Amino acid sequence: MVNSLSKRCISLLPIYKKVPWKSIVLHPIIHPRFKFTCWLAAWQRLATADRLLKIGVQVPLECSFCNNAMETVEHLFFDCSISKAIW
């Protein structure tokens, strides 16, 4: 009876799509502040210039590191020459 009830309850739970960043964010060795930053980046919630502009905060749009492009999450983590050199 209990086994069938637990199976029935589990079948009612929603099935979510697996996300590739889950193992990075939930890894036990990573410091909580880095996990939080990864979580913010994955959900596009970092306070970058493009995001701040959308909510009405006036900031310079150029990248804080290289001053060559608009500061976005994609630029900071993948395109910026200075952050590439650091990584």
N, C-alpha and C. Protein backbone atom coordinates (compact mmCIF):
# COMPACT_ATOMS: atom_id res chain seq x y z
N MET A 1 0.82 -1.20 0.00
CA MET A 1 0.00 0.00 0.00
C MET A 1 0.86 1.26 0.00
N VAL A 2 1.87 1.31 0.88
CA VAL A 2 2.72 2.49 0.98
C VAL A 2 3.54 2.66 -0.30
N ASN A 3 4.03 1.55 -0.82
CA ASN A 3 4.86 1.61 -2.02
C ASN A 3 4.05 2.15 -3.20
N SER A 4 2.84 1.69 -3.37
CA SER A 4 2.02 2.17 -4.49
C SER A 4 1.62 3.63 -4.29
N LEU A 5 1.42 4.04 -3.04
CA LEU A 5 1.07 5.42 -2.76
C LEU A 5 2.25 6.35 -3.08
N SER A 6 3.45 5.95 -2.71
CA SER A 6 4.62 6.78 -3.02
C SER A 6 4.87 6.85 -4.52
N LYS A 7 4.65 5.75 -5.24
CA LYS A 7 4.80 5.77 -6.69
C LYS A 7 3.77 6.69 -7.33
N ARG A 8 2.57 6.69 -6.80
CA ARG A 8 1.50 7.55 -7.32
C ARG A 8 1.83 9.02 -7.07
N CYS A 9 2.36 9.33 -5.88
CA CYS A 9 2.74 10.71 -5.56
C CYS A 9 3.88 11.18 -6.47
N ILE A 10 4.85 10.33 -6.70
CA ILE A 10 5.98 10.67 -7.58
C ILE A 10 5.49 10.89 -9.00
N SER A 11 4.53 10.11 -9.44
CA SER A 11 4.02 10.28 -10.81
C SER A 11 3.29 11.61 -10.99
N LEU A 12 2.83 12.22 -9.90
CA LEU A 12 2.13 13.49 -9.99
C LEU A 12 3.08 14.69 -10.05
N LEU A 13 4.34 14.47 -9.71
CA LEU A 13 5.31 15.56 -9.75
C LEU A 13 5.59 15.97 -11.19
N PRO A 14 5.79 17.26 -11.43
CA PRO A 14 6.09 17.69 -12.81
C PRO A 14 7.49 17.23 -13.22
N ILE A 15 7.64 16.98 -14.50
CA ILE A 15 8.93 16.56 -15.05
C ILE A 15 9.54 17.78 -15.73
N TYR A 16 10.71 18.19 -15.23
CA TYR A 16 11.39 19.35 -15.77
C TYR A 16 12.52 18.92 -16.69
N LYS A 17 12.82 19.77 -17.62
CA LYS A 17 13.92 19.54 -18.54
C LYS A 17 15.25 19.67 -17.77
N LYS A 18 16.21 18.80 -18.04
CA LYS A 18 17.52 18.88 -17.38
C LYS A 18 18.30 20.06 -17.94
N VAL A 19 18.97 20.78 -17.04
CA VAL A 19 19.77 21.93 -17.45
C VAL A 19 21.25 21.58 -17.33
N PRO A 20 22.08 22.03 -18.27
CA PRO A 20 23.49 21.62 -18.27
C PRO A 20 24.31 22.23 -17.13
N TRP A 21 23.86 23.33 -16.53
CA TRP A 21 24.64 24.00 -15.50
C TRP A 21 24.36 23.49 -14.09
N LYS A 22 23.44 22.54 -13.93
CA LYS A 22 23.06 22.07 -12.61
C LYS A 22 24.24 21.48 -11.83
N SER A 23 25.05 20.66 -12.47
CA SER A 23 26.16 20.03 -11.77
C SER A 23 27.22 21.04 -11.35
N ILE A 24 27.34 22.15 -12.08
CA ILE A 24 28.31 23.18 -11.71
C ILE A 24 27.81 23.94 -10.50
N VAL A 25 26.57 24.35 -10.52
CA VAL A 25 26.02 25.17 -9.44
C VAL A 25 25.86 24.36 -8.16
N LEU A 26 25.52 23.10 -8.25
CA LEU A 26 25.27 22.30 -7.06
C LEU A 26 26.47 21.48 -6.61
N HIS A 27 27.62 21.68 -7.19
CA HIS A 27 28.82 20.93 -6.80
C HIS A 27 29.19 21.29 -5.36
N PRO A 28 29.47 20.31 -4.50
CA PRO A 28 29.69 20.60 -3.07
C PRO A 28 30.98 21.35 -2.75
N ILE A 29 31.97 21.34 -3.63
CA ILE A 29 33.25 21.97 -3.34
C ILE A 29 33.24 23.47 -3.66
N ILE A 30 32.39 23.91 -4.55
CA ILE A 30 32.37 25.30 -4.98
C ILE A 30 31.85 26.20 -3.85
N HIS A 31 32.52 27.33 -3.65
CA HIS A 31 32.13 28.28 -2.61
C HIS A 31 30.75 28.86 -2.93
N PRO A 32 29.91 29.10 -1.91
CA PRO A 32 28.55 29.59 -2.15
C PRO A 32 28.46 30.88 -2.95
N ARG A 33 29.40 31.81 -2.80
CA ARG A 33 29.29 33.05 -3.57
C ARG A 33 29.50 32.80 -5.06
N PHE A 34 30.35 31.82 -5.42
CA PHE A 34 30.55 31.48 -6.82
C PHE A 34 29.35 30.73 -7.37
N LYS A 35 28.74 29.89 -6.55
CA LYS A 35 27.52 29.21 -6.96
C LYS A 35 26.42 30.24 -7.26
N PHE A 36 26.33 31.25 -6.39
CA PHE A 36 25.31 32.27 -6.58
C PHE A 36 25.55 33.06 -7.86
N THR A 37 26.81 33.39 -8.15
CA THR A 37 27.14 34.10 -9.39
C THR A 37 26.81 33.24 -10.61
N CYS A 38 27.12 31.96 -10.56
CA CYS A 38 26.78 31.06 -11.66
C CYS A 38 25.28 30.97 -11.85
N TRP A 39 24.55 30.92 -10.74
CA TRP A 39 23.10 30.85 -10.81
C TRP A 39 22.54 32.12 -11.44
N LEU A 40 23.07 33.29 -11.03
CA LEU A 40 22.62 34.55 -11.62
C LEU A 40 22.93 34.61 -13.11
N ALA A 41 24.11 34.14 -13.50
CA ALA A 41 24.48 34.15 -14.91
C ALA A 41 23.59 33.21 -15.72
N ALA A 42 23.29 32.04 -15.18
CA ALA A 42 22.45 31.08 -15.89
C ALA A 42 21.04 31.61 -16.11
N TRP A 43 20.53 32.40 -15.19
CA TRP A 43 19.19 32.95 -15.30
C TRP A 43 19.18 34.37 -15.86
N GLN A 44 20.33 34.82 -16.39
CA GLN A 44 20.44 36.15 -17.00
C GLN A 44 20.02 37.25 -16.02
N ARG A 45 20.52 37.17 -14.78
CA ARG A 45 20.16 38.14 -13.76
C ARG A 45 21.36 38.93 -13.23
N LEU A 46 22.51 38.79 -13.86
CA LEU A 46 23.67 39.58 -13.44
C LEU A 46 23.45 41.05 -13.78
N ALA A 47 23.99 41.93 -12.96
CA ALA A 47 23.80 43.37 -13.16
C ALA A 47 24.77 43.89 -14.21
N THR A 48 24.55 43.50 -15.45
CA THR A 48 25.37 43.99 -16.55
C THR A 48 24.74 45.28 -17.08
N ALA A 49 25.50 45.99 -17.91
CA ALA A 49 25.04 47.29 -18.41
C ALA A 49 23.73 47.15 -19.20
N ASP A 50 23.60 46.13 -20.03
CA ASP A 50 22.37 45.98 -20.81
C ASP A 50 21.17 45.71 -19.93
N ARG A 51 21.35 44.92 -18.89
CA ARG A 51 20.23 44.63 -17.98
C ARG A 51 19.87 45.86 -17.14
N LEU A 52 20.87 46.60 -16.66
CA LEU A 52 20.60 47.80 -15.88
C LEU A 52 19.87 48.85 -16.72
N LEU A 53 20.25 48.93 -18.00
CA LEU A 53 19.59 49.88 -18.90
C LEU A 53 18.11 49.53 -19.08
N LYS A 54 17.80 48.23 -19.15
CA LYS A 54 16.41 47.80 -19.31
C LYS A 54 15.53 48.19 -18.13
N ILE A 55 16.12 48.25 -16.93
CA ILE A 55 15.31 48.60 -15.76
C ILE A 55 15.40 50.09 -15.43
N GLY A 56 16.08 50.86 -16.30
CA GLY A 56 16.07 52.31 -16.15
C GLY A 56 17.26 52.92 -15.45
N VAL A 57 18.30 52.17 -15.18
CA VAL A 57 19.50 52.71 -14.53
C VAL A 57 20.46 53.18 -15.62
N GLN A 58 20.89 54.42 -15.55
CA GLN A 58 21.80 54.97 -16.55
C GLN A 58 23.25 54.64 -16.19
N VAL A 59 23.87 53.80 -16.97
CA VAL A 59 25.27 53.41 -16.79
C VAL A 59 25.96 53.43 -18.15
N PRO A 60 27.30 53.53 -18.18
CA PRO A 60 28.00 53.41 -19.46
C PRO A 60 27.78 52.01 -20.04
N LEU A 61 27.54 51.94 -21.34
CA LEU A 61 27.23 50.66 -21.97
C LEU A 61 28.47 49.84 -22.34
N GLU A 62 29.64 50.46 -22.36
CA GLU A 62 30.84 49.75 -22.77
C GLU A 62 31.25 48.75 -21.68
N CYS A 63 31.91 47.70 -22.11
CA CYS A 63 32.43 46.69 -21.20
C CYS A 63 33.41 47.33 -20.22
N SER A 64 33.29 47.01 -18.97
CA SER A 64 34.15 47.58 -17.93
C SER A 64 35.60 47.14 -18.08
N PHE A 65 35.84 46.01 -18.73
CA PHE A 65 37.19 45.50 -18.88
C PHE A 65 37.89 46.00 -20.15
N CYS A 66 37.24 45.81 -21.30
CA CYS A 66 37.93 46.10 -22.57
C CYS A 66 37.46 47.39 -23.25
N ASN A 67 36.32 47.92 -22.88
CA ASN A 67 35.74 49.13 -23.48
C ASN A 67 35.54 49.02 -24.99
N ASN A 68 35.37 47.81 -25.51
CA ASN A 68 35.21 47.61 -26.95
C ASN A 68 33.80 47.26 -27.38
N ALA A 69 33.00 46.71 -26.47
CA ALA A 69 31.67 46.25 -26.86
C ALA A 69 30.69 46.51 -25.72
N MET A 70 29.41 46.30 -26.01
CA MET A 70 28.39 46.47 -24.99
C MET A 70 28.52 45.37 -23.94
N GLU A 71 28.38 45.75 -22.68
CA GLU A 71 28.54 44.80 -21.58
C GLU A 71 27.29 43.94 -21.44
N THR A 72 27.40 42.68 -21.85
CA THR A 72 26.34 41.68 -21.70
C THR A 72 26.95 40.46 -21.03
N VAL A 73 26.10 39.55 -20.60
CA VAL A 73 26.61 38.32 -19.98
C VAL A 73 27.44 37.54 -20.99
N GLU A 74 26.95 37.44 -22.21
CA GLU A 74 27.67 36.69 -23.24
C GLU A 74 29.04 37.32 -23.51
N HIS A 75 29.07 38.64 -23.58
CA HIS A 75 30.34 39.31 -23.85
C HIS A 75 31.31 39.09 -22.69
N LEU A 76 30.85 39.29 -21.46
CA LEU A 76 31.75 39.17 -20.31
C LEU A 76 32.33 37.76 -20.16
N PHE A 77 31.52 36.74 -20.38
CA PHE A 77 31.99 35.38 -20.15
C PHE A 77 32.60 34.70 -21.37
N PHE A 78 32.27 35.16 -22.59
CA PHE A 78 32.72 34.43 -23.77
C PHE A 78 33.48 35.26 -24.80
N ASP A 79 33.19 36.56 -24.92
CA ASP A 79 33.77 37.35 -26.00
C ASP A 79 34.83 38.34 -25.57
N CYS A 80 34.83 38.77 -24.34
CA CYS A 80 35.74 39.82 -23.88
C CYS A 80 37.19 39.31 -23.87
N SER A 81 38.09 40.06 -24.52
CA SER A 81 39.49 39.62 -24.61
C SER A 81 40.17 39.61 -23.24
N ILE A 82 39.82 40.53 -22.36
CA ILE A 82 40.43 40.58 -21.04
C ILE A 82 39.98 39.40 -20.18
N SER A 83 38.69 39.10 -20.18
CA SER A 83 38.22 37.96 -19.39
C SER A 83 38.72 36.63 -19.95
N LYS A 84 38.90 36.56 -21.28
CA LYS A 84 39.49 35.34 -21.87
C LYS A 84 40.91 35.15 -21.39
N ALA A 85 41.66 36.25 -21.27
CA ALA A 85 43.04 36.15 -20.79
C ALA A 85 43.08 35.70 -19.32
N ILE A 86 42.09 36.15 -18.53
CA ILE A 86 42.04 35.75 -17.12
C ILE A 86 41.68 34.28 -16.99
N TRP A 87 40.71 33.80 -17.79
CA TRP A 87 40.31 32.41 -17.71
C TRP A 87 41.41 31.51 -18.22
